[in-house]
């Protein structure tokens, strides 16, 4: 019951903030609406395998430093979960970025968890607060779950406050854009059983020329998860 009340309060506050923000865009300067998506050979998130071949649509609206974004992932295979639907309310100024995200994972076959509007003990929602700073040659971010389905693996009666900290460095080699990533978790969480490196990877991206007037952004990722003793090689295209 306590978890449900907290989750509902968070959702209500975020919804009210989003409504107020959208209702007064004229005061917030330039506005931008963007839509697109990725098709990936497998869905790997923060060093964790979340699904096979997936389509991942995205829609966002931004104005005056604020942004409201919807992102999803629908898989074509059947791991533990293959459907995801996230909302992020963010704010950025200079290199600083702040965000609140509501993640929803659909566990197929579990009816209560499939209910998007379920915020009880079996909810599939997870709420995260994030802060980051982009220095240019290096970007840092701190991401912590504070409500929802974030139980401590060793004690399901306690909240894990699962935290993911990442450092990333973009650079270019010829026509290729590259980015190095290092992600760690500082304590027992959904990512690992204690402090550990959970994501060590490199992403390469390039515009593939299809016709004289059309190019297709493509990327490949090499990912290692030392904590999980796993490695992944992912290919994707952006539409």
Protein backbone atom coordinates (compact mmCIF):
# COMPACT_ATOMS: atom_id res chain seq x y z
CA UNK A 1 0.00 0.00 0.00
CA UNK A 2 2.80 2.43 0.90
CA UNK A 3 4.58 1.72 -2.38
CA UNK A 4 1.35 2.28 -4.30
CA UNK A 5 0.68 5.64 -2.61
CA UNK A 6 4.22 6.89 -3.26
CA UNK A 7 4.09 5.82 -6.91
CA UNK A 8 0.70 7.49 -7.44
CA UNK A 9 1.90 10.73 -5.88
CA UNK A 10 4.98 10.74 -8.10
CA UNK A 11 2.92 10.03 -11.21
CA UNK A 12 0.35 12.71 -10.32
CA UNK A 13 3.03 15.33 -9.66
CA UNK A 14 4.83 14.53 -12.91
CA UNK A 15 1.57 14.64 -14.87
CA UNK A 16 0.64 18.02 -13.37
CA UNK A 17 4.09 19.41 -14.17
CA UNK A 18 3.84 18.15 -17.74
CA UNK A 19 0.38 19.67 -18.23
CA UNK A 20 1.47 23.06 -16.89
CA UNK A 21 4.60 22.99 -19.02
CA UNK A 22 2.75 22.08 -22.24
CA UNK A 23 0.02 24.65 -21.52
CA UNK A 24 2.41 27.62 -21.55
CA UNK A 25 4.90 26.90 -24.37
CA UNK A 26 4.72 30.45 -25.72
CA UNK A 27 6.66 31.68 -22.70
CA UNK A 28 9.45 29.20 -23.17
CA UNK A 29 11.10 30.26 -26.40
CA UNK A 30 11.88 27.94 -29.30
CA UNK A 31 9.99 24.66 -29.40
CA UNK A 32 10.92 21.43 -31.09
CA UNK A 33 9.04 18.22 -31.77
CA UNK A 34 10.93 15.13 -32.89
CA UNK A 35 9.90 11.58 -33.74
CA UNK A 36 11.88 8.56 -34.82
CA UNK A 37 13.08 5.18 -33.71
CA UNK A 38 15.76 2.51 -33.82
CA UNK A 39 15.81 -1.06 -35.03
CA UNK A 40 18.37 -3.08 -33.05
CA UNK A 41 19.70 -6.62 -33.34
CA UNK A 42 19.34 -6.96 -29.55
CA UNK A 43 18.31 -4.69 -26.70
CA UNK A 44 21.11 -4.25 -24.17
CA UNK A 45 20.65 -1.56 -21.50
CA UNK A 46 23.37 -0.56 -19.06
CA UNK A 47 25.17 -3.83 -19.67
CA UNK A 48 22.05 -5.98 -19.19
CA UNK A 49 20.37 -8.06 -21.90
CA UNK A 50 16.71 -7.01 -22.14
CA UNK A 51 15.59 -8.61 -25.39
CA UNK A 52 16.40 -9.78 -28.88
CA UNK A 53 15.61 -7.97 -32.13
CA UNK A 54 13.56 -4.92 -31.15
CA UNK A 55 11.94 -1.83 -32.60
CA UNK A 56 12.33 1.22 -30.35
CA UNK A 57 10.14 4.25 -31.18
CA UNK A 58 10.75 7.68 -29.66
CA UNK A 59 8.76 10.94 -29.48
CA UNK A 60 9.84 14.12 -27.71
CA UNK A 61 8.85 17.74 -27.29
CA UNK A 62 11.21 20.40 -25.97
CA UNK A 63 10.91 24.08 -25.12
CA UNK A 64 12.97 26.49 -23.06
CA UNK A 65 15.33 23.87 -21.69
CA UNK A 66 12.50 21.53 -20.67
CA UNK A 67 11.69 18.29 -22.47
CA UNK A 68 9.03 15.61 -22.33
CA UNK A 69 9.91 12.35 -24.05
CA UNK A 70 8.25 9.00 -24.64
CA UNK A 71 10.38 5.97 -25.54
CA UNK A 72 9.48 2.33 -26.04
CA UNK A 73 10.87 -1.04 -27.01
CA UNK A 74 8.94 -3.95 -28.51
CA UNK A 75 10.82 -7.20 -29.04
CA UNK A 76 10.28 -9.95 -31.58
CA UNK A 77 11.51 -12.70 -29.24
CA UNK A 78 10.45 -13.70 -25.72
CA UNK A 79 12.95 -13.19 -22.89
CA UNK A 80 11.74 -12.32 -19.36
CA UNK A 81 10.26 -9.08 -20.70
CA UNK A 82 10.21 -7.65 -24.17
CA UNK A 83 7.90 -4.64 -23.96
CA UNK A 84 8.89 -1.31 -22.43
CA UNK A 85 7.27 2.12 -22.32
CA UNK A 86 9.04 5.06 -20.64
CA UNK A 87 8.25 8.72 -20.01
CA UNK A 88 10.98 11.22 -19.13
CA UNK A 89 10.54 14.78 -17.91
CA UNK A 90 13.84 16.59 -18.23
CA UNK A 91 15.52 19.96 -17.93
CA UNK A 92 18.86 21.06 -19.29
CA UNK A 93 20.90 24.23 -19.02
CA UNK A 94 24.43 24.47 -20.34
CA UNK A 95 26.08 21.11 -19.73
CA UNK A 96 23.76 20.24 -16.82
CA UNK A 97 20.84 17.86 -17.28
CA UNK A 98 18.20 16.71 -14.76
CA UNK A 99 15.48 14.14 -15.35
CA UNK A 100 12.71 12.05 -13.82
CA UNK A 101 11.83 8.85 -15.65
CA UNK A 102 8.93 6.44 -15.29
CA UNK A 103 10.01 3.06 -16.71
CA UNK A 104 7.35 0.43 -17.39
CA UNK A 105 8.34 -3.14 -18.22
CA UNK A 106 5.63 -5.54 -19.40
CA UNK A 107 6.21 -9.09 -18.16
CA UNK A 108 4.25 -11.18 -20.59
CA UNK A 109 2.04 -13.81 -18.98
CA UNK A 110 1.85 -12.01 -15.62
CA UNK A 111 -1.51 -10.25 -15.80
CA UNK A 112 -1.04 -7.82 -12.90
CA UNK A 113 2.36 -6.72 -14.12
CA UNK A 114 0.95 -6.30 -17.63
CA UNK A 115 -1.51 -3.72 -16.24
CA UNK A 116 0.04 -0.32 -16.99
CA UNK A 117 -2.09 1.33 -14.31
CA UNK A 118 -1.05 -1.08 -11.55
CA UNK A 119 1.06 0.62 -8.87
CA UNK A 120 0.78 -2.00 -6.11
CA UNK A 121 3.37 -4.47 -4.84
CA UNK A 122 3.50 -6.21 -8.23
CA UNK A 123 3.88 -3.03 -10.28
CA UNK A 124 6.09 -3.10 -13.35
CA UNK A 125 6.84 0.63 -13.02
CA UNK A 126 10.20 1.92 -11.80
CA UNK A 127 10.88 5.60 -11.07
CA UNK A 128 14.34 7.08 -11.48
CA UNK A 129 16.00 10.44 -10.80
CA UNK A 130 19.00 11.36 -12.93
CA UNK A 131 21.58 14.13 -12.99
CA UNK A 132 24.41 14.59 -15.44
CA UNK A 133 26.95 17.05 -16.72
CA UNK A 134 28.51 17.17 -20.17
CA UNK A 135 31.98 18.68 -20.07
CA UNK A 136 32.46 18.19 -23.83
CA UNK A 137 35.27 15.61 -23.98
CA UNK A 138 33.69 13.78 -21.00
CA UNK A 139 30.11 13.33 -19.76
CA UNK A 140 29.12 12.04 -16.31
CA UNK A 141 25.71 10.88 -15.06
CA UNK A 142 24.20 9.53 -11.83
CA UNK A 143 20.92 7.56 -12.04
CA UNK A 144 19.02 6.20 -9.00
CA UNK A 145 15.70 4.37 -8.73
CA UNK A 146 13.70 5.69 -5.78
CA UNK A 147 10.23 4.13 -6.18
CA UNK A 148 8.46 1.24 -7.87
CA UNK A 149 9.73 -2.27 -8.53
CA UNK A 150 13.22 -1.84 -7.09
CA UNK A 151 13.52 -4.44 -4.33
CA UNK A 152 16.88 -5.40 -2.90
CA UNK A 153 17.83 -8.81 -4.40
CA UNK A 154 18.94 -10.21 -1.01
CA UNK A 155 15.92 -8.79 0.89
CA UNK A 156 12.73 -8.10 -1.06
CA UNK A 157 11.28 -6.13 1.87
CA UNK A 158 13.91 -3.42 1.42
CA UNK A 159 14.34 -0.90 -1.38
CA UNK A 160 17.61 -1.23 -3.27
CA UNK A 161 17.89 2.35 -4.54
CA UNK A 162 19.57 0.77 -7.55
CA UNK A 163 22.13 3.22 -8.89
CA UNK A 164 24.00 3.38 -12.17
CA UNK A 165 26.90 5.82 -12.65
CA UNK A 166 28.33 6.35 -16.11
CA UNK A 167 31.23 8.18 -17.69
CA UNK A 168 31.30 8.53 -21.47
CA UNK A 169 33.74 10.10 -23.91
CA UNK A 170 32.84 10.83 -27.56
CA UNK A 171 35.43 11.27 -30.29
CA UNK A 172 35.83 10.84 -34.04
CA UNK A 173 38.04 8.76 -36.28
CA UNK A 174 37.64 9.81 -39.89
CA UNK A 175 33.94 9.65 -40.83
CA UNK A 176 33.10 7.52 -37.81
CA UNK A 177 31.72 8.83 -34.55
CA UNK A 178 32.89 6.81 -31.55
CA UNK A 179 31.95 6.83 -27.88
CA UNK A 180 33.51 5.02 -24.94
CA UNK A 181 31.33 4.11 -21.93
CA UNK A 182 32.12 2.98 -18.41
CA UNK A 183 29.21 2.17 -16.10
CA UNK A 184 29.37 1.08 -12.46
CA UNK A 185 26.93 0.37 -9.66
CA UNK A 186 28.10 1.38 -6.16
CA UNK A 187 26.14 -1.14 -4.06
CA UNK A 188 23.85 -4.17 -4.21
CA UNK A 189 21.15 -3.45 -6.76
CA UNK A 190 19.34 -4.80 -9.79
CA UNK A 191 22.65 -4.42 -11.65
CA UNK A 192 25.00 -6.47 -9.41
CA UNK A 193 25.38 -7.89 -5.89
CA UNK A 194 27.69 -5.06 -4.81
CA UNK A 195 30.07 -2.46 -6.22
CA UNK A 196 31.04 -3.57 -9.69
CA UNK A 197 31.57 -2.56 -13.32
CA UNK A 198 28.44 -3.49 -15.25
CA UNK A 199 28.97 -1.74 -18.57
CA UNK A 200 32.19 -1.31 -20.52
CA UNK A 201 31.64 -0.55 -24.16
CA UNK A 202 32.35 1.32 -27.34
CA UNK A 203 29.84 2.58 -29.89
CA UNK A 204 30.69 3.36 -33.50
CA UNK A 205 28.27 5.30 -35.72
CA UNK A 206 28.23 6.35 -39.38
CA UNK A 207 25.84 7.79 -41.95
CA UNK A 208 25.30 5.18 -44.66
CA UNK A 209 24.60 6.71 -48.07
CA UNK A 210 21.57 5.02 -49.65
CA UNK A 211 20.86 7.50 -52.45
CA UNK A 212 22.18 10.92 -53.43
CA UNK A 213 19.61 12.56 -51.15
CA UNK A 214 19.10 9.95 -48.42
CA UNK A 215 21.42 8.61 -45.74
CA UNK A 216 20.70 6.08 -43.01
CA UNK A 217 22.33 6.49 -39.58
CA UNK A 218 23.75 3.16 -38.39
CA UNK A 219 25.66 2.12 -35.30
CA UNK A 220 27.37 -0.86 -33.74
CA UNK A 221 28.10 -1.45 -30.06
CA UNK A 222 30.59 -3.74 -28.37
CA UNK A 223 29.52 -4.23 -24.75
CA UNK A 224 31.12 -6.08 -21.86
CA UNK A 225 29.51 -6.65 -18.47
CA UNK A 226 32.29 -7.83 -16.10
CA UNK A 227 29.85 -8.23 -13.18
CA UNK A 228 27.56 -10.50 -15.21
CA UNK A 229 30.43 -12.13 -17.13
CA UNK A 230 28.67 -11.33 -20.42
CA UNK A 231 29.57 -9.74 -23.74
CA UNK A 232 27.31 -8.41 -26.51
CA UNK A 233 27.67 -7.13 -30.05
CA UNK A 234 24.76 -4.98 -31.21
CA UNK A 235 23.89 -3.46 -34.58
CA UNK A 236 21.22 -0.83 -35.10
CA UNK A 237 19.79 1.65 -37.58
CA UNK A 238 17.99 4.89 -36.77
CA UNK A 239 14.90 5.99 -38.67
